[in-house]
Amino acid sequence: MLSRRKSHFPAHTVVNWFADLYKSLGFEGCSSHSGRRTFVTRAAKNIIKAGGSLRDVQQLAGHTTLQTTQRYIEGDSEAKKKIVNLI
């Protein structure tokens, strides 16, 4: 994201922007980081449908390593149950 002056925003500016946005929408307990975690988790769940891989999710998130991306992905109890039932 670039400012009107075509320079990058400091991290705290983006964090504050998200905090104000979430507050104006009435979202409690949300942050720029929780939004990022949600994006990465949803992308990981749907990347196969798009013909991609976790490496693509890593690149979208801007992570240097796949291990970092994996730390952002939250598990899904319902999905685990479905997998076990398939086996």
N, C-alpha and C. Protein backbone atom coordinates (compact mmCIF):
# COMPACT_ATOMS: atom_id res chain seq x y z
N MET A 1 0.85 -1.17 0.00
CA MET A 1 0.00 0.00 0.00
C MET A 1 0.90 1.23 0.00
N LEU A 2 0.61 2.15 -0.89
CA LEU A 2 1.40 3.37 -0.97
C LEU A 2 0.56 4.57 -0.54
N SER A 3 1.23 5.55 0.03
CA SER A 3 0.56 6.78 0.44
C SER A 3 0.31 7.66 -0.79
N ARG A 4 -0.36 8.77 -0.59
CA ARG A 4 -0.59 9.72 -1.68
C ARG A 4 0.73 10.24 -2.25
N ARG A 5 1.76 10.20 -1.44
CA ARG A 5 3.08 10.68 -1.88
C ARG A 5 3.89 9.55 -2.52
N LYS A 6 3.25 8.43 -2.75
CA LYS A 6 3.88 7.27 -3.41
C LYS A 6 4.99 6.64 -2.57
N SER A 7 4.90 6.80 -1.25
CA SER A 7 5.86 6.14 -0.38
C SER A 7 5.11 5.12 0.47
N HIS A 8 5.84 4.19 1.04
CA HIS A 8 5.22 3.15 1.85
C HIS A 8 4.80 3.72 3.20
N PHE A 9 3.69 3.20 3.71
CA PHE A 9 3.22 3.58 5.04
C PHE A 9 4.08 2.88 6.09
N PRO A 10 4.34 3.54 7.21
CA PRO A 10 4.96 2.83 8.33
C PRO A 10 3.99 1.76 8.84
N ALA A 11 4.52 0.68 9.40
CA ALA A 11 3.68 -0.44 9.85
C ALA A 11 2.60 0.03 10.83
N HIS A 12 2.94 0.91 11.76
CA HIS A 12 1.95 1.34 12.75
C HIS A 12 0.78 2.09 12.11
N THR A 13 1.02 2.75 10.98
CA THR A 13 -0.05 3.46 10.29
C THR A 13 -1.07 2.47 9.74
N VAL A 14 -0.59 1.39 9.18
CA VAL A 14 -1.48 0.35 8.64
C VAL A 14 -2.23 -0.33 9.79
N VAL A 15 -1.54 -0.62 10.87
CA VAL A 15 -2.17 -1.24 12.04
C VAL A 15 -3.29 -0.34 12.57
N ASN A 16 -3.02 0.95 12.68
CA ASN A 16 -4.03 1.90 13.17
C ASN A 16 -5.19 2.03 12.19
N TRP A 17 -4.90 1.99 10.88
CA TRP A 17 -5.95 2.08 9.87
C TRP A 17 -6.91 0.91 10.01
N PHE A 18 -6.36 -0.30 10.16
CA PHE A 18 -7.22 -1.48 10.33
C PHE A 18 -8.01 -1.39 11.64
N ALA A 19 -7.38 -0.94 12.71
CA ALA A 19 -8.08 -0.82 14.00
C ALA A 19 -9.27 0.12 13.86
N ASP A 20 -9.07 1.25 13.21
CA ASP A 20 -10.17 2.21 13.00
C ASP A 20 -11.26 1.62 12.11
N LEU A 21 -10.87 0.91 11.06
CA LEU A 21 -11.84 0.28 10.16
C LEU A 21 -12.68 -0.74 10.90
N TYR A 22 -12.02 -1.65 11.60
CA TYR A 22 -12.75 -2.70 12.33
C TYR A 22 -13.67 -2.09 13.38
N LYS A 23 -13.20 -1.06 14.07
CA LYS A 23 -14.02 -0.40 15.09
C LYS A 23 -15.26 0.24 14.44
N SER A 24 -15.08 0.89 13.29
CA SER A 24 -16.21 1.53 12.62
C SER A 24 -17.24 0.50 12.13
N LEU A 25 -16.78 -0.72 11.88
CA LEU A 25 -17.68 -1.80 11.45
C LEU A 25 -18.30 -2.55 12.62
N GLY A 26 -17.85 -2.21 13.84
CA GLY A 26 -18.39 -2.85 15.03
C GLY A 26 -17.75 -4.19 15.34
N PHE A 27 -16.58 -4.47 14.75
CA PHE A 27 -15.90 -5.74 15.00
C PHE A 27 -15.08 -5.62 16.28
N GLU A 28 -15.31 -6.54 17.20
CA GLU A 28 -14.59 -6.55 18.48
C GLU A 28 -13.42 -7.54 18.41
N GLY A 29 -12.30 -7.17 18.99
CA GLY A 29 -11.17 -8.08 19.09
C GLY A 29 -10.45 -8.36 17.79
N CYS A 30 -10.66 -7.53 16.78
CA CYS A 30 -10.00 -7.72 15.48
C CYS A 30 -8.80 -6.81 15.37
N SER A 31 -7.83 -7.25 14.57
CA SER A 31 -6.63 -6.45 14.34
C SER A 31 -6.14 -6.72 12.93
N SER A 32 -5.15 -5.96 12.52
CA SER A 32 -4.56 -6.21 11.20
C SER A 32 -3.98 -7.63 11.16
N HIS A 33 -3.45 -8.08 12.27
CA HIS A 33 -2.86 -9.41 12.31
C HIS A 33 -3.93 -10.50 12.24
N SER A 34 -5.06 -10.30 12.91
CA SER A 34 -6.12 -11.32 12.83
C SER A 34 -6.69 -11.37 11.42
N GLY A 35 -6.76 -10.23 10.75
CA GLY A 35 -7.21 -10.22 9.36
C GLY A 35 -6.24 -10.97 8.47
N ARG A 36 -4.96 -10.79 8.73
CA ARG A 36 -3.93 -11.49 7.96
C ARG A 36 -4.01 -12.99 8.19
N ARG A 37 -4.20 -13.39 9.45
CA ARG A 37 -4.32 -14.81 9.79
C ARG A 37 -5.54 -15.41 9.09
N THR A 38 -6.65 -14.69 9.08
CA THR A 38 -7.86 -15.16 8.41
C THR A 38 -7.62 -15.32 6.92
N PHE A 39 -6.97 -14.33 6.30
CA PHE A 39 -6.67 -14.42 4.87
C PHE A 39 -5.83 -15.65 4.56
N VAL A 40 -4.75 -15.86 5.31
CA VAL A 40 -3.84 -16.98 5.05
C VAL A 40 -4.57 -18.30 5.24
N THR A 41 -5.37 -18.42 6.31
CA THR A 41 -6.11 -19.66 6.56
C THR A 41 -7.09 -19.94 5.42
N ARG A 42 -7.85 -18.95 5.02
CA ARG A 42 -8.82 -19.15 3.94
C ARG A 42 -8.13 -19.45 2.61
N ALA A 43 -7.03 -18.78 2.36
CA ALA A 43 -6.28 -19.05 1.13
C ALA A 43 -5.76 -20.48 1.12
N ALA A 44 -5.25 -20.95 2.27
CA ALA A 44 -4.73 -22.31 2.36
C ALA A 44 -5.84 -23.34 2.12
N LYS A 45 -7.04 -23.06 2.62
CA LYS A 45 -8.16 -23.99 2.43
C LYS A 45 -8.62 -24.04 0.98
N ASN A 46 -8.45 -22.96 0.25
CA ASN A 46 -9.00 -22.86 -1.10
C ASN A 46 -7.98 -22.91 -2.23
N ILE A 47 -6.71 -22.95 -1.90
CA ILE A 47 -5.68 -22.85 -2.93
C ILE A 47 -5.72 -24.01 -3.91
N ILE A 48 -6.08 -25.19 -3.46
CA ILE A 48 -6.15 -26.35 -4.35
C ILE A 48 -7.22 -26.15 -5.42
N LYS A 49 -8.35 -25.53 -5.03
CA LYS A 49 -9.43 -25.24 -5.99
C LYS A 49 -8.94 -24.35 -7.12
N ALA A 50 -7.96 -23.50 -6.82
CA ALA A 50 -7.42 -22.57 -7.81
C ALA A 50 -6.26 -23.18 -8.58
N GLY A 51 -5.91 -24.42 -8.24
CA GLY A 51 -4.80 -25.08 -8.93
C GLY A 51 -3.44 -24.68 -8.40
N GLY A 52 -3.41 -24.13 -7.19
CA GLY A 52 -2.15 -23.67 -6.61
C GLY A 52 -1.65 -24.57 -5.50
N SER A 53 -0.69 -24.06 -4.77
CA SER A 53 -0.08 -24.80 -3.66
C SER A 53 0.16 -23.85 -2.48
N LEU A 54 0.60 -24.43 -1.37
CA LEU A 54 0.91 -23.59 -0.21
C LEU A 54 2.04 -22.60 -0.51
N ARG A 55 2.87 -22.93 -1.47
CA ARG A 55 3.93 -21.99 -1.87
C ARG A 55 3.30 -20.70 -2.41
N ASP A 56 2.18 -20.83 -3.12
CA ASP A 56 1.48 -19.64 -3.63
C ASP A 56 0.92 -18.81 -2.48
N VAL A 57 0.39 -19.48 -1.47
CA VAL A 57 -0.12 -18.76 -0.29
C VAL A 57 1.04 -18.05 0.40
N GLN A 58 2.18 -18.73 0.52
CA GLN A 58 3.37 -18.12 1.12
C GLN A 58 3.73 -16.84 0.38
N GLN A 59 3.74 -16.89 -0.93
CA GLN A 59 4.12 -15.72 -1.71
C GLN A 59 3.08 -14.60 -1.58
N LEU A 60 1.80 -14.96 -1.56
CA LEU A 60 0.76 -13.94 -1.37
C LEU A 60 0.90 -13.24 -0.02
N ALA A 61 1.27 -14.01 1.00
CA ALA A 61 1.42 -13.46 2.34
C ALA A 61 2.72 -12.67 2.49
N GLY A 62 3.65 -12.86 1.56
CA GLY A 62 4.93 -12.16 1.65
C GLY A 62 5.88 -12.78 2.66
N HIS A 63 5.67 -14.06 2.97
CA HIS A 63 6.54 -14.73 3.94
C HIS A 63 7.79 -15.26 3.24
N THR A 64 8.90 -15.22 3.93
CA THR A 64 10.16 -15.72 3.40
C THR A 64 10.19 -17.24 3.39
N THR A 65 9.57 -17.85 4.40
CA THR A 65 9.60 -19.31 4.50
C THR A 65 8.19 -19.88 4.60
N LEU A 66 8.06 -21.12 4.16
CA LEU A 66 6.79 -21.82 4.26
C LEU A 66 6.44 -22.09 5.73
N GLN A 67 7.45 -22.25 6.56
CA GLN A 67 7.21 -22.47 7.99
C GLN A 67 6.45 -21.30 8.61
N THR A 68 6.79 -20.09 8.22
CA THR A 68 6.08 -18.93 8.75
C THR A 68 4.62 -18.97 8.32
N THR A 69 4.38 -19.29 7.06
CA THR A 69 3.01 -19.37 6.55
C THR A 69 2.23 -20.43 7.31
N GLN A 70 2.84 -21.56 7.57
CA GLN A 70 2.16 -22.64 8.28
C GLN A 70 1.74 -22.23 9.69
N ARG A 71 2.50 -21.35 10.31
CA ARG A 71 2.13 -20.88 11.66
C ARG A 71 0.87 -20.03 11.63
N TYR A 72 0.56 -19.44 10.49
CA TYR A 72 -0.63 -18.61 10.35
C TYR A 72 -1.89 -19.42 10.09
N ILE A 73 -1.75 -20.64 9.58
CA ILE A 73 -2.90 -21.44 9.18
C ILE A 73 -3.52 -22.10 10.40
N GLU A 74 -4.79 -21.80 10.63
CA GLU A 74 -5.51 -22.39 11.75
C GLU A 74 -6.15 -23.70 11.32
N GLY A 75 -6.16 -24.67 12.23
CA GLY A 75 -6.78 -25.96 11.95
C GLY A 75 -8.30 -25.86 11.96
N ASP A 76 -8.95 -26.88 11.43
CA ASP A 76 -10.40 -26.91 11.32
C ASP A 76 -10.89 -28.28 11.79
N SER A 77 -11.55 -28.31 12.94
CA SER A 77 -12.01 -29.58 13.52
C SER A 77 -12.97 -30.32 12.60
N GLU A 78 -13.86 -29.61 11.94
CA GLU A 78 -14.82 -30.25 11.03
C GLU A 78 -14.09 -30.90 9.85
N ALA A 79 -13.10 -30.22 9.33
CA ALA A 79 -12.32 -30.78 8.22
C ALA A 79 -11.59 -32.04 8.66
N LYS A 80 -11.06 -32.03 9.87
CA LYS A 80 -10.36 -33.23 10.38
C LYS A 80 -11.33 -34.39 10.50
N LYS A 81 -12.54 -34.15 10.98
CA LYS A 81 -13.54 -35.21 11.09
C LYS A 81 -13.88 -35.78 9.72
N LYS A 82 -14.04 -34.90 8.72
CA LYS A 82 -14.37 -35.35 7.37
C LYS A 82 -13.24 -36.20 6.78
N ILE A 83 -11.99 -35.80 7.04
CA ILE A 83 -10.86 -36.57 6.54
C ILE A 83 -10.85 -37.95 7.16
N VAL A 84 -11.05 -38.02 8.46
CA VAL A 84 -11.05 -39.32 9.15
C VAL A 84 -12.20 -40.19 8.60
N ASN A 85 -13.36 -39.60 8.36
CA ASN A 85 -14.49 -40.36 7.82
C ASN A 85 -14.20 -40.85 6.40
N LEU A 86 -13.43 -40.11 5.63
CA LEU A 86 -13.08 -40.52 4.27
C LEU A 86 -12.13 -41.72 4.28
N ILE A 87 -11.33 -41.79 5.32
CA ILE A 87 -10.36 -42.88 5.44
C ILE A 87 -11.06 -44.11 5.96
